[in-house]
Full PDB file with SEQRES, HELIX, SHEET, SSBOND, CRYST1, ORIGX, SCALE, CONECT and MASTER records, all heavy atoms in Angstrom:
SEQRES   1 A   39  GLU GLY LYS LEU PHE ASN VAL ASN LEU ILE ASP GLU SER          
SEQRES   2 A   39  GLY GLU ILE ARG CYS THR GLY PHE ASN GLU GLN LEU ASP          
SEQRES   3 A   39  LYS PHE TYR ASP MET LEU GLU VAL ASN LYS VAL TYR TYR          
HELIX    1 AA1 ASN A   22  PHE A   28  1                                   7    
SHEET    1 AA1 2 LEU A   4  ILE A  10  0                                        
SHEET    2 AA1 2 GLU A  15  PHE A  21 -1                                        
CRYST1    1.000    1.000    1.000  90.00  90.00  90.00 P 1           1          
ORIGX1      1.000000  0.000000  0.000000        0.00000                         
ORIGX2      0.000000  1.000000  0.000000        0.00000                         
ORIGX3      0.000000  0.000000  1.000000        0.00000                         
SCALE1      1.000000  0.000000  0.000000        0.00000                         
SCALE2      0.000000  1.000000  0.000000        0.00000                         
SCALE3      0.000000  0.000000  1.000000        0.00000                         
ATOM      1  N   GLU A   1     -10.919-109.299  91.706  1.00  0.00           N  
ATOM      2  CA  GLU A   1     -11.296-109.863  90.420  1.00  0.00           C  
ATOM      3  C   GLU A   1     -12.772-109.614  90.156  1.00  0.00           C  
ATOM      4  O   GLU A   1     -13.539-109.315  91.062  1.00  0.00           O  
ATOM      5  CB  GLU A   1     -11.003-111.372  90.396  1.00  0.00           C  
ATOM      6  CG  GLU A   1      -9.543-111.725  90.596  1.00  0.00           C  
ATOM      7  CD  GLU A   1      -9.314-113.224  90.579  1.00  0.00           C  
ATOM      8  OE1 GLU A   1     -10.319-113.969  90.658  1.00  0.00           O  
ATOM      9  OE2 GLU A   1      -8.150-113.654  90.481  1.00  0.00           O  
ATOM     10  N   GLY A   2     -13.157-109.763  88.904  1.00  0.00           N  
ATOM     11  CA  GLY A   2     -14.555-109.569  88.572  1.00  0.00           C  
ATOM     12  C   GLY A   2     -14.821-109.892  87.121  1.00  0.00           C  
ATOM     13  O   GLY A   2     -13.943-110.310  86.369  1.00  0.00           O  
ATOM     14  N   LYS A   3     -16.070-109.677  86.713  1.00  0.00           N  
ATOM     15  CA  LYS A   3     -16.482-109.917  85.332  1.00  0.00           C  
ATOM     16  C   LYS A   3     -17.421-108.789  84.907  1.00  0.00           C  
ATOM     17  O   LYS A   3     -18.061-108.133  85.747  1.00  0.00           O  
ATOM     18  CB  LYS A   3     -17.169-111.273  85.202  1.00  0.00           C  
ATOM     19  CG  LYS A   3     -18.330-111.471  86.168  1.00  0.00           C  
ATOM     20  CD  LYS A   3     -18.865-112.886  86.118  1.00  0.00           C  
ATOM     21  CE  LYS A   3     -19.989-113.077  87.141  1.00  0.00           C  
ATOM     22  NZ  LYS A   3     -20.549-114.451  87.111  1.00  0.00           N  
ATOM     23  N   LEU A   4     -17.506-108.562  83.622  1.00  0.00           N  
ATOM     24  CA  LEU A   4     -18.328-107.463  83.119  1.00  0.00           C  
ATOM     25  C   LEU A   4     -18.783-107.757  81.702  1.00  0.00           C  
ATOM     26  O   LEU A   4     -18.242-108.632  81.018  1.00  0.00           O  
ATOM     27  CB  LEU A   4     -17.564-106.141  83.165  1.00  0.00           C  
ATOM     28  CG  LEU A   4     -16.314-106.012  82.276  1.00  0.00           C  
ATOM     29  CD1 LEU A   4     -16.660-105.447  80.905  1.00  0.00           C  
ATOM     30  CD2 LEU A   4     -15.277-105.119  82.936  1.00  0.00           C  
ATOM     31  N   PHE A   5     -19.786-107.011  81.260  1.00  0.00           N  
ATOM     32  CA  PHE A   5     -20.219-107.008  79.865  1.00  0.00           C  
ATOM     33  C   PHE A   5     -20.811-105.633  79.581  1.00  0.00           C  
ATOM     34  O   PHE A   5     -21.071-104.831  80.488  1.00  0.00           O  
ATOM     35  CB  PHE A   5     -21.254-108.104  79.595  1.00  0.00           C  
ATOM     36  CG  PHE A   5     -22.666-107.735  79.996  1.00  0.00           C  
ATOM     37  CD1 PHE A   5     -23.630-107.468  79.039  1.00  0.00           C  
ATOM     38  CD2 PHE A   5     -23.030-107.636  81.339  1.00  0.00           C  
ATOM     39  CE1 PHE A   5     -24.929-107.129  79.399  1.00  0.00           C  
ATOM     40  CE2 PHE A   5     -24.327-107.298  81.709  1.00  0.00           C  
ATOM     41  CZ  PHE A   5     -25.274-107.041  80.728  1.00  0.00           C  
ATOM     42  N   ASN A   6     -20.993-105.317  78.309  1.00  0.00           N  
ATOM     43  CA  ASN A   6     -21.632-104.052  77.974  1.00  0.00           C  
ATOM     44  C   ASN A   6     -22.548-104.231  76.782  1.00  0.00           C  
ATOM     45  O   ASN A   6     -22.396-105.157  75.976  1.00  0.00           O  
ATOM     46  CB  ASN A   6     -20.597-102.942  77.721  1.00  0.00           C  
ATOM     47  CG  ASN A   6     -19.648-103.288  76.603  1.00  0.00           C  
ATOM     48  OD1 ASN A   6     -20.002-103.269  75.432  1.00  0.00           O  
ATOM     49  ND2 ASN A   6     -18.403-103.605  76.955  1.00  0.00           N  
ATOM     50  N   VAL A   7     -23.526-103.339  76.701  1.00  0.00           N  
ATOM     51  CA  VAL A   7     -24.462-103.300  75.572  1.00  0.00           C  
ATOM     52  C   VAL A   7     -24.495-101.876  75.026  1.00  0.00           C  
ATOM     53  O   VAL A   7     -24.264-100.905  75.762  1.00  0.00           O  
ATOM     54  CB  VAL A   7     -25.886-103.726  75.989  1.00  0.00           C  
ATOM     55  CG1 VAL A   7     -25.933-105.196  76.342  1.00  0.00           C  
ATOM     56  CG2 VAL A   7     -26.393-102.877  77.162  1.00  0.00           C  
ATOM     57  N   ASN A   8     -24.752-101.762  73.731  1.00  0.00           N  
ATOM     58  CA  ASN A   8     -24.997-100.464  73.106  1.00  0.00           C  
ATOM     59  C   ASN A   8     -26.496-100.312  72.894  1.00  0.00           C  
ATOM     60  O   ASN A   8     -27.160-101.241  72.403  1.00  0.00           O  
ATOM     61  CB  ASN A   8     -24.277-100.338  71.764  1.00  0.00           C  
ATOM     62  CG  ASN A   8     -22.776-100.186  71.934  1.00  0.00           C  
ATOM     63  OD1 ASN A   8     -22.282-100.043  73.051  1.00  0.00           O  
ATOM     64  ND2 ASN A   8     -22.053-100.229  70.843  1.00  0.00           N  
ATOM     65  N   LEU A   9     -27.021 -99.146  73.250  1.00  0.00           N  
ATOM     66  CA  LEU A   9     -28.452 -98.882  73.168  1.00  0.00           C  
ATOM     67  C   LEU A   9     -28.709 -97.728  72.209  1.00  0.00           C  
ATOM     68  O   LEU A   9     -27.907 -96.796  72.127  1.00  0.00           O  
ATOM     69  CB  LEU A   9     -29.010 -98.531  74.554  1.00  0.00           C  
ATOM     70  CG  LEU A   9     -28.680 -99.501  75.701  1.00  0.00           C  
ATOM     71  CD1 LEU A   9     -29.197 -98.952  77.022  1.00  0.00           C  
ATOM     72  CD2 LEU A   9     -29.266-100.881  75.427  1.00  0.00           C  
ATOM     73  N   ILE A  10     -29.838 -97.765  71.516  1.00  0.00           N  
ATOM     74  CA  ILE A  10     -30.179 -96.702  70.569  1.00  0.00           C  
ATOM     75  C   ILE A  10     -31.663 -96.366  70.677  1.00  0.00           C  
ATOM     76  O   ILE A  10     -32.498 -97.247  70.889  1.00  0.00           O  
ATOM     77  CB  ILE A  10     -29.834 -97.126  69.118  1.00  0.00           C  
ATOM     78  CG1 ILE A  10     -29.965 -95.951  68.152  1.00  0.00           C  
ATOM     79  CG2 ILE A  10     -30.688 -98.291  68.658  1.00  0.00           C  
ATOM     80  CD1 ILE A  10     -29.452 -96.253  66.747  1.00  0.00           C  
ATOM     81  N   ASP A  11     -31.981 -95.070  70.611  1.00  0.00           N  
ATOM     82  CA  ASP A  11     -33.360 -94.621  70.429  1.00  0.00           C  
ATOM     83  C   ASP A  11     -33.361 -93.579  69.317  1.00  0.00           C  
ATOM     84  O   ASP A  11     -32.359 -93.405  68.616  1.00  0.00           O  
ATOM     85  CB  ASP A  11     -33.977 -94.112  71.736  1.00  0.00           C  
ATOM     86  CG  ASP A  11     -33.360 -92.802  72.229  1.00  0.00           C  
ATOM     87  OD1 ASP A  11     -32.500 -92.228  71.512  1.00  0.00           O  
ATOM     88  OD2 ASP A  11     -33.724 -92.350  73.323  1.00  0.00           O  
ATOM     89  N   GLU A  12     -34.469 -92.877  69.145  1.00  0.00           N  
ATOM     90  CA  GLU A  12     -34.573 -91.947  68.019  1.00  0.00           C  
ATOM     91  C   GLU A  12     -33.654 -90.741  68.162  1.00  0.00           C  
ATOM     92  O   GLU A  12     -33.399 -90.024  67.193  1.00  0.00           O  
ATOM     93  CB  GLU A  12     -36.017 -91.454  67.851  1.00  0.00           C  
ATOM     94  CG  GLU A  12     -36.567 -90.651  69.024  1.00  0.00           C  
ATOM     95  CD  GLU A  12     -37.100 -91.520  70.150  1.00  0.00           C  
ATOM     96  OE1 GLU A  12     -37.055 -92.763  70.010  1.00  0.00           O  
ATOM     97  OE2 GLU A  12     -37.569 -90.964  71.158  1.00  0.00           O  
ATOM     98  N   SER A  13     -33.084 -90.529  69.358  1.00  0.00           N  
ATOM     99  CA  SER A  13     -32.236 -89.344  69.554  1.00  0.00           C  
ATOM    100  C   SER A  13     -30.746 -89.652  69.491  1.00  0.00           C  
ATOM    101  O   SER A  13     -29.944 -88.767  69.212  1.00  0.00           O  
ATOM    102  CB  SER A  13     -32.555 -88.692  70.914  1.00  0.00           C  
ATOM    103  OG  SER A  13     -32.089 -89.498  71.984  1.00  0.00           O  
ATOM    104  N   GLY A  14     -30.328 -90.892  69.742  1.00  0.00           N  
ATOM    105  CA  GLY A  14     -28.904 -91.185  69.746  1.00  0.00           C  
ATOM    106  C   GLY A  14     -28.592 -92.538  70.369  1.00  0.00           C  
ATOM    107  O   GLY A  14     -29.492 -93.362  70.599  1.00  0.00           O  
ATOM    108  N   GLU A  15     -27.295 -92.765  70.679  1.00  0.00           N  
ATOM    109  CA  GLU A  15     -26.827 -94.040  71.211  1.00  0.00           C  
ATOM    110  C   GLU A  15     -26.093 -93.817  72.528  1.00  0.00           C  
ATOM    111  O   GLU A  15     -25.551 -92.741  72.779  1.00  0.00           O  
ATOM    112  CB  GLU A  15     -25.881 -94.720  70.216  1.00  0.00           C  
ATOM    113  CG  GLU A  15     -26.512 -95.097  68.893  1.00  0.00           C  
ATOM    114  CD  GLU A  15     -25.513 -95.716  67.932  1.00  0.00           C  
ATOM    115  OE1 GLU A  15     -24.870 -94.963  67.179  1.00  0.00           O  
ATOM    116  OE2 GLU A  15     -25.371 -96.953  67.928  1.00  0.00           O  
ATOM    117  N   ILE A  16     -26.056 -94.856  73.358  1.00  0.00           N  
ATOM    118  CA  ILE A  16     -25.330 -94.792  74.620  1.00  0.00           C  
ATOM    119  C   ILE A  16     -24.863 -96.205  74.983  1.00  0.00           C  
ATOM    120  O   ILE A  16     -25.486 -97.200  74.582  1.00  0.00           O  
ATOM    121  CB  ILE A  16     -26.205 -94.199  75.749  1.00  0.00           C  
ATOM    122  CG1 ILE A  16     -25.340 -93.806  76.951  1.00  0.00           C  
ATOM    123  CG2 ILE A  16     -27.312 -95.161  76.149  1.00  0.00           C  
ATOM    124  CD1 ILE A  16     -26.087 -92.979  77.989  1.00  0.00           C  
ATOM    125  N   ARG A  17     -23.764 -96.283  75.725  1.00  0.00           N  
ATOM    126  CA  ARG A  17     -23.193 -97.559  76.166  1.00  0.00           C  
ATOM    127  C   ARG A  17     -23.588 -97.817  77.611  1.00  0.00           C  
ATOM    128  O   ARG A  17     -23.603 -96.906  78.440  1.00  0.00           O  
ATOM    129  CB  ARG A  17     -21.675 -97.496  76.034  1.00  0.00           C  
ATOM    130  CG  ARG A  17     -20.926 -98.790  76.307  1.00  0.00           C  
ATOM    131  CD  ARG A  17     -19.469 -98.568  75.925  1.00  0.00           C  
ATOM    132  NE  ARG A  17     -18.663 -99.779  75.997  1.00  0.00           N  
ATOM    133  CZ  ARG A  17     -17.744-100.005  76.916  1.00  0.00           C  
ATOM    134  NH1 ARG A  17     -17.522 -99.117  77.868  1.00  0.00           N  
ATOM    135  NH2 ARG A  17     -17.038-101.114  76.898  1.00  0.00           N  
ATOM    136  N   CYS A  18     -23.903 -99.072  77.926  1.00  0.00           N  
ATOM    137  CA  CYS A  18     -24.297 -99.441  79.287  1.00  0.00           C  
ATOM    138  C   CYS A  18     -23.477-100.668  79.701  1.00  0.00           C  
ATOM    139  O   CYS A  18     -23.393-101.652  78.954  1.00  0.00           O  
ATOM    140  CB  CYS A  18     -25.789 -99.749  79.351  1.00  0.00           C  
ATOM    141  SG  CYS A  18     -26.387-100.148  81.010  1.00  0.00           S  
ATOM    142  N   THR A  19     -22.877-100.628  80.902  1.00  0.00           N  
ATOM    143  CA  THR A  19     -21.999-101.694  81.380  1.00  0.00           C  
ATOM    144  C   THR A  19     -22.562-102.322  82.649  1.00  0.00           C  
ATOM    145  O   THR A  19     -23.074-101.617  83.531  1.00  0.00           O  
ATOM    146  CB  THR A  19     -20.587-101.145  81.659  1.00  0.00           C  
ATOM    147  OG1 THR A  19     -20.073-100.547  80.471  1.00  0.00           O  
ATOM    148  CG2 THR A  19     -19.650-102.249  82.102  1.00  0.00           C  
ATOM    149  N   GLY A  20     -22.454-103.636  82.745  1.00  0.00           N  
ATOM    150  CA  GLY A  20     -22.882-104.363  83.941  1.00  0.00           C  
ATOM    151  C   GLY A  20     -21.742-105.182  84.517  1.00  0.00           C  
ATOM    152  O   GLY A  20     -21.007-105.847  83.771  1.00  0.00           O  
ATOM    153  N   PHE A  21     -21.567-105.143  85.848  1.00  0.00           N  
ATOM    154  CA  PHE A  21     -20.507-105.878  86.534  1.00  0.00           C  
ATOM    155  C   PHE A  21     -21.120-106.964  87.432  1.00  0.00           C  
ATOM    156  O   PHE A  21     -22.220-106.805  87.969  1.00  0.00           O  
ATOM    157  CB  PHE A  21     -19.674-104.941  87.409  1.00  0.00           C  
ATOM    158  CG  PHE A  21     -18.886-103.909  86.649  1.00  0.00           C  
ATOM    159  CD1 PHE A  21     -19.452-102.683  86.311  1.00  0.00           C  
ATOM    160  CD2 PHE A  21     -17.582-104.163  86.257  1.00  0.00           C  
ATOM    161  CE1 PHE A  21     -18.726-101.732  85.618  1.00  0.00           C  
ATOM    162  CE2 PHE A  21     -16.850-103.217  85.560  1.00  0.00           C  
ATOM    163  CZ  PHE A  21     -17.425-101.996  85.238  1.00  0.00           C  
ATOM    164  N   ASN A  22     -20.402-108.053  87.575  1.00  0.00           N  
ATOM    165  CA  ASN A  22     -20.648-109.079  88.599  1.00  0.00           C  
ATOM    166  C   ASN A  22     -22.130-109.424  88.788  1.00  0.00           C  
ATOM    167  O   ASN A  22     -22.725-110.079  87.952  1.00  0.00           O  
ATOM    168  CB  ASN A  22     -19.999-108.643  89.908  1.00  0.00           C  
ATOM    169  CG  ASN A  22     -18.498-108.440  89.739  1.00  0.00           C  
ATOM    170  OD1 ASN A  22     -17.846-109.162  88.984  1.00  0.00           O  
ATOM    171  ND2 ASN A  22     -17.942-107.451  90.432  1.00  0.00           N  
ATOM    172  N   GLU A  23     -22.761-108.955  89.921  1.00  0.00           N  
ATOM    173  CA  GLU A  23     -24.153-109.322  90.209  1.00  0.00           C  
ATOM    174  C   GLU A  23     -25.091-108.851  89.099  1.00  0.00           C  
ATOM    175  O   GLU A  23     -26.052-109.543  88.745  1.00  0.00           O  
ATOM    176  CB  GLU A  23     -24.606-108.729  91.552  1.00  0.00           C  
ATOM    177  CG  GLU A  23     -23.930-109.324  92.774  1.00  0.00           C  
ATOM    178  CD  GLU A  23     -22.559-108.701  93.028  1.00  0.00           C  
ATOM    179  OE1 GLU A  23     -22.196-107.755  92.294  1.00  0.00           O  
ATOM    180  OE2 GLU A  23     -21.854-109.172  93.938  1.00  0.00           O  
ATOM    181  N   GLN A  24     -24.837-107.661  88.561  1.00  0.00           N  
ATOM    182  CA  GLN A  24     -25.705-107.162  87.497  1.00  0.00           C  
ATOM    183  C   GLN A  24     -25.541-107.996  86.221  1.00  0.00           C  
ATOM    184  O   GLN A  24     -26.496-108.192  85.472  1.00  0.00           O  
ATOM    185  CB  GLN A  24     -25.395-105.686  87.201  1.00  0.00           C  
ATOM    186  CG  GLN A  24     -25.957-104.721  88.230  1.00  0.00           C  
ATOM    187  CD  GLN A  24     -25.261-104.843  89.580  1.00  0.00           C  
ATOM    188  OE1 GLN A  24     -24.027-104.831  89.646  1.00  0.00           O  
ATOM    189  NE2 GLN A  24     -26.031-104.977  90.649  1.00  0.00           N  
ATOM    190  N   LEU A  25     -24.326-108.481  85.995  1.00  0.00           N  
ATOM    191  CA  LEU A  25     -24.115-109.383  84.851  1.00  0.00           C  
ATOM    192  C   LEU A  25     -24.942-110.656  85.028  1.00  0.00           C  
ATOM    193  O   LEU A  25     -25.620-111.107  84.094  1.00  0.00           O  
ATOM    194  CB  LEU A  25     -22.630-109.699  84.716  1.00  0.00           C  
ATOM    195  CG  LEU A  25     -22.206-110.567  83.526  1.00  0.00           C  
ATOM    196  CD1 LEU A  25     -20.783-110.197  83.083  1.00  0.00           C  
ATOM    197  CD2 LEU A  25     -22.247-112.061  83.859  1.00  0.00           C  
ATOM    198  N   ASP A  26     -24.899-111.234  86.218  1.00  0.00           N  
ATOM    199  CA  ASP A  26     -25.667-112.456  86.481  1.00  0.00           C  
ATOM    200  C   ASP A  26     -27.165-112.217  86.304  1.00  0.00           C  
ATOM    201  O   ASP A  26     -27.897-113.107  85.854  1.00  0.00           O  
ATOM    202  CB  ASP A  26     -25.404-112.958  87.902  1.00  0.00           C  
ATOM    203  CG  ASP A  26     -23.952-113.391  88.100  1.00  0.00           C  
ATOM    204  OD1 ASP A  26     -23.307-113.775  87.098  1.00  0.00           O  
ATOM    205  OD2 ASP A  26     -23.468-113.314  89.244  1.00  0.00           O  
ATOM    206  N   LYS A  27     -27.610-111.006  86.618  1.00  0.00           N  
ATOM    207  CA  LYS A  27     -29.032-110.709  86.603  1.00  0.00           C  
ATOM    208  C   LYS A  27     -29.556-110.385  85.211  1.00  0.00           C  
ATOM    209  O   LYS A  27     -30.669-110.798  84.835  1.00  0.00           O  
ATOM    210  CB  LYS A  27     -29.303-109.532  87.552  1.00  0.00           C  
ATOM    211  CG  LYS A  27     -30.774-109.168  87.703  1.00  0.00           C  
ATOM    212  CD  LYS A  27     -30.928-108.052  88.727  1.00  0.00           C  
ATOM    213  CE  LYS A  27     -32.392-107.673  88.925  1.00  0.00           C  
ATOM    214  NZ  LYS A  27     -32.544-106.572  89.913  1.00  0.00           N  
ATOM    215  N   PHE A  28     -28.746-109.653  84.401  1.00  0.00           N  
ATOM    216  CA  PHE A  28     -29.291-109.109  83.161  1.00  0.00           C  
ATOM    217  C   PHE A  28     -28.668-109.672  81.875  1.00  0.00           C  
ATOM    218  O   PHE A  28     -29.220-109.455  80.797  1.00  0.00           O  
ATOM    219  CB  PHE A  28     -29.114-107.580  83.147  1.00  0.00           C  
ATOM    220  CG  PHE A  28     -29.883-106.866  84.209  1.00  0.00           C  
ATOM    221  CD1 PHE A  28     -29.222-106.118  85.187  1.00  0.00           C  
ATOM    222  CD2 PHE A  28     -31.269-106.931  84.248  1.00  0.00           C  
ATOM    223  CE1 PHE A  28     -29.925-105.438  86.163  1.00  0.00           C  
ATOM    224  CE2 PHE A  28     -31.987-106.261  85.233  1.00  0.00           C  
ATOM    225  CZ  PHE A  28     -31.308-105.515  86.196  1.00  0.00           C  
ATOM    226  N   TYR A  29     -27.551-110.399  81.968  1.00  0.00           N  
ATOM    227  CA  TYR A  29     -26.852-110.788  80.734  1.00  0.00           C  
ATOM    228  C   TYR A  29     -27.730-111.662  79.834  1.00  0.00           C  
ATOM    229  O   TYR A  29     -27.858-111.412  78.630  1.00  0.00           O  
ATOM    230  CB  TYR A  29     -25.546-111.522  81.060  1.00  0.00           C  
ATOM    231  CG  TYR A  29     -24.722-111.818  79.819  1.00  0.00           C  
ATOM    232  CD1 TYR A  29     -23.895-110.846  79.268  1.00  0.00           C  
ATOM    233  CD2 TYR A  29     -24.790-113.060  79.181  1.00  0.00           C  
ATOM    234  CE1 TYR A  29     -23.142-111.095  78.118  1.00  0.00           C  
ATOM    235  CE2 TYR A  29     -24.045-113.319  78.035  1.00  0.00           C  
ATOM    236  CZ  TYR A  29     -23.232-112.329  77.513  1.00  0.00           C  
ATOM    237  OH  TYR A  29     -22.508-112.586  76.372  1.00  0.00           O  
ATOM    238  N   ASP A  30     -28.320-112.711  80.385  1.00  0.00           N  
ATOM    239  CA  ASP A  30     -29.153-113.607  79.581  1.00  0.00           C  
ATOM    240  C   ASP A  30     -30.445-112.941  79.139  1.00  0.00           C  
ATOM    241  O   ASP A  30     -31.015-113.299  78.105  1.00  0.00           O  
ATOM    242  CB  ASP A  30     -29.471-114.882  80.369  1.00  0.00           C  
ATOM    243  CG  ASP A  30     -28.226-115.734  80.600  1.00  0.00           C  
ATOM    244  OD1 ASP A  30     -27.302-115.658  79.769  1.00  0.00           O  
ATOM    245  OD2 ASP A  30     -28.177-116.448  81.622  1.00  0.00           O  
ATOM    246  N   MET A  31     -30.909-111.973  79.904  1.00  0.00           N  
ATOM    247  CA  MET A  31     -32.174-111.301  79.593  1.00  0.00           C  
ATOM    248  C   MET A  31     -32.059-110.399  78.367  1.00  0.00           C  
ATOM    249  O   MET A  31     -32.956-110.348  77.528  1.00  0.00           O  
ATOM    250  CB  MET A  31     -32.615-110.473  80.801  1.00  0.00           C  
ATOM    251  CG  MET A  31     -33.793-109.562  80.536  1.00  0.00           C  
ATOM    252  SD  MET A  31     -34.073-108.472  81.960  1.00  0.00           S  
ATOM    253  CE  MET A  31     -35.405-107.441  81.334  1.00  0.00           C  
ATOM    254  N   LEU A  32     -30.923-109.685  78.234  1.00  0.00           N  
ATOM    255  CA  LEU A  32     -30.767-108.718  77.161  1.00  0.00           C  
ATOM    256  C   LEU A  32     -30.383-109.416  75.862  1.00  0.00           C  
ATOM    257  O   LEU A  32     -29.410-110.178  75.820  1.00  0.00           O  
ATOM    258  CB  LEU A  32     -29.700-107.681  77.537  1.00  0.00           C  
ATOM    259  CG  LEU A  32     -30.051-106.771  78.711  1.00  0.00           C  
ATOM    260  CD1 LEU A  32     -28.848-105.933  79.112  1.00  0.00           C  
ATOM    261  CD2 LEU A  32     -31.230-105.875  78.359  1.00  0.00           C  
ATOM    262  N   GLU A  33     -31.142-109.152  74.802  1.00  0.00           N  
ATOM    263  CA  GLU A  33     -30.900-109.755  73.501  1.00  0.00           C  
ATOM    264  C   GLU A  33     -30.765-108.660  72.447  1.00  0.00           C  
ATOM    265  O   GLU A  33     -31.469-107.646  72.486  1.00  0.00           O  
ATOM    266  CB  GLU A  33     -32.043-110.699  73.113  1.00  0.00           C  
ATOM    267  CG  GLU A  33     -32.215-111.885  74.051  1.00  0.00           C  
ATOM    268  CD  GLU A  33     -33.329-112.806  73.598  1.00  0.00           C  
ATOM    269  OE1 GLU A  33     -33.548-112.910  72.368  1.00  0.00           O  
ATOM    270  OE2 GLU A  33     -34.004-113.407  74.463  1.00  0.00           O  
ATOM    271  N   VAL A  34     -29.859-108.884  71.498  1.00  0.00           N  
ATOM    272  CA  VAL A  34     -29.624-107.912  70.431  1.00  0.00           C  
ATOM    273  C   VAL A  34     -30.887-107.741  69.594  1.00  0.00           C  
ATOM    274  O   VAL A  34     -31.583-108.703  69.284  1.00  0.00           O  
ATOM    275  CB  VAL A  34     -28.444-108.350  69.556  1.00  0.00           C  
ATOM    276  CG1 VAL A  34     -28.287-107.443  68.344  1.00  0.00           C  
ATOM    277  CG2 VAL A  34     -27.150-108.352  70.362  1.00  0.00           C  
ATOM    278  N   ASN A  35     -31.188-106.488  69.255  1.00  0.00           N  
ATOM    279  CA  ASN A  35     -32.309-106.054  68.416  1.00  0.00           C  
ATOM    280  C   ASN A  35     -33.639-106.019  69.150  1.00  0.00           C  
ATOM    281  O   ASN A  35     -34.651-105.662  68.554  1.00  0.00           O  
ATOM    282  CB  ASN A  35     -32.436-106.911  67.152  1.00  0.00           C  
ATOM    283  CG  ASN A  35     -33.041-106.117  65.992  1.00  0.00           C  
ATOM    284  OD1 ASN A  35     -32.775-104.929  65.845  1.00  0.00           O  
ATOM    285  ND2 ASN A  35     -33.876-106.761  65.198  1.00  0.00           N  
ATOM    286  N   LYS A  36     -33.664-106.371  70.437  1.00  0.00           N  
ATOM    287  CA  LYS A  36     -34.896-106.243  71.201  1.00  0.00           C  
ATOM    288  C   LYS A  36     -34.895-104.922  71.975  1.00  0.00           C  
ATOM    289  O   LYS A  36     -33.857-104.327  72.220  1.00  0.00           O  
ATOM    290  CB  LYS A  36     -35.072-107.430  72.139  1.00  0.00           C  
ATOM    291  CG  LYS A  36     -35.388-108.725  71.396  1.00  0.00           C  
ATOM    292  CD  LYS A  36     -35.861-109.822  72.339  1.00  0.00           C  
ATOM    293  CE  LYS A  36     -36.279-111.058  71.551  1.00  0.00           C  
ATOM    294  NZ  LYS A  36     -36.779-112.124  72.452  1.00  0.00           N  
ATOM    295  N   VAL A  37     -36.095-104.481  72.379  1.00  0.00           N  
ATOM    296  CA  VAL A  37     -36.284-103.173  73.010  1.00  0.00           C  
ATOM    297  C   VAL A  37     -36.613-103.349  74.489  1.00  0.00           C  
ATOM    298  O   VAL A  37     -37.393-104.238  74.857  1.00  0.00           O  
ATOM    299  CB  VAL A  37     -37.397-102.381  72.291  1.00  0.00           C  
ATOM    300  CG1 VAL A  37     -37.612-101.024  72.962  1.00  0.00           C  
ATOM    301  CG2 VAL A  37     -37.042-102.182  70.816  1.00  0.00           C  
ATOM    302  N   TYR A  38     -36.027-102.472  75.316  1.00  0.00           N  
ATOM    303  CA  TYR A  38     -36.213-102.554  76.764  1.00  0.00           C  
ATOM    304  C   TYR A  38     -36.368-101.151  77.350  1.00  0.00           C  
ATOM    305  O   TYR A  38     -35.920-100.159  76.770  1.00  0.00           O  
ATOM    306  CB  TYR A  38     -35.008-103.246  77.428  1.00  0.00           C  
ATOM    307  CG  TYR A  38     -34.732-104.638  76.931  1.00  0.00           C  
ATOM    308  CD1 TYR A  38     -33.954-104.836  75.788  1.00  0.00           C  
ATOM    309  CD2 TYR A  38     -35.231-105.753  77.595  1.00  0.00           C  
ATOM    310  CE1 TYR A  38     -33.689-106.112  75.316  1.00  0.00           C  
ATOM    311  CE2 TYR A  38     -34.954-107.035  77.132  1.00  0.00           C  
ATOM    312  CZ  TYR A  38     -34.190-107.206  75.985  1.00  0.00           C  
ATOM    313  OH  TYR A  38     -33.930-108.463  75.531  1.00  0.00           O  
ATOM    314  N   TYR A  39     -36.987-101.103  78.543  1.00  0.00           N  
ATOM    315  CA  TYR A  39     -36.986 -99.891  79.361  1.00  0.00           C  
ATOM    316  C   TYR A  39     -35.826 -99.995  80.351  1.00  0.00           C  
ATOM    317  O   TYR A  39     -35.645-101.026  81.008  1.00  0.00           O  
ATOM    318  CB  TYR A  39     -38.298 -99.749  80.142  1.00  0.00           C  
ATOM    319  CG  TYR A  39     -39.494 -99.420  79.288  1.00  0.00           C  
ATOM    320  CD1 TYR A  39     -40.440-100.396  78.984  1.00  0.00           C  
ATOM    321  CD2 TYR A  39     -39.687 -98.137  78.791  1.00  0.00           C  
ATOM    322  CE1 TYR A  39     -41.551-100.107  78.213  1.00  0.00           C  
ATOM    323  CE2 TYR A  39     -40.797 -97.830  78.018  1.00  0.00           C  
ATOM    324  CZ  TYR A  39     -41.720 -98.823  77.731  1.00  0.00           C  
ATOM    325  OH  TYR A  39     -42.809 -98.522  76.962  1.00  0.00           O  
TER     326      TYR A  39                                                      
MASTER        0    0    0    1    2    0    0    6  325    1    0    3          
END                                                                             
């Protein structure tokens, strides 16, 4: 069993999908917010 989430990212060249599972979900889900910019 497990859990996951995904985000869509965009820069001036195009878009890409990024998925996080389990530990990565716990680490990054609350941190990532729609319309904000990240490295």
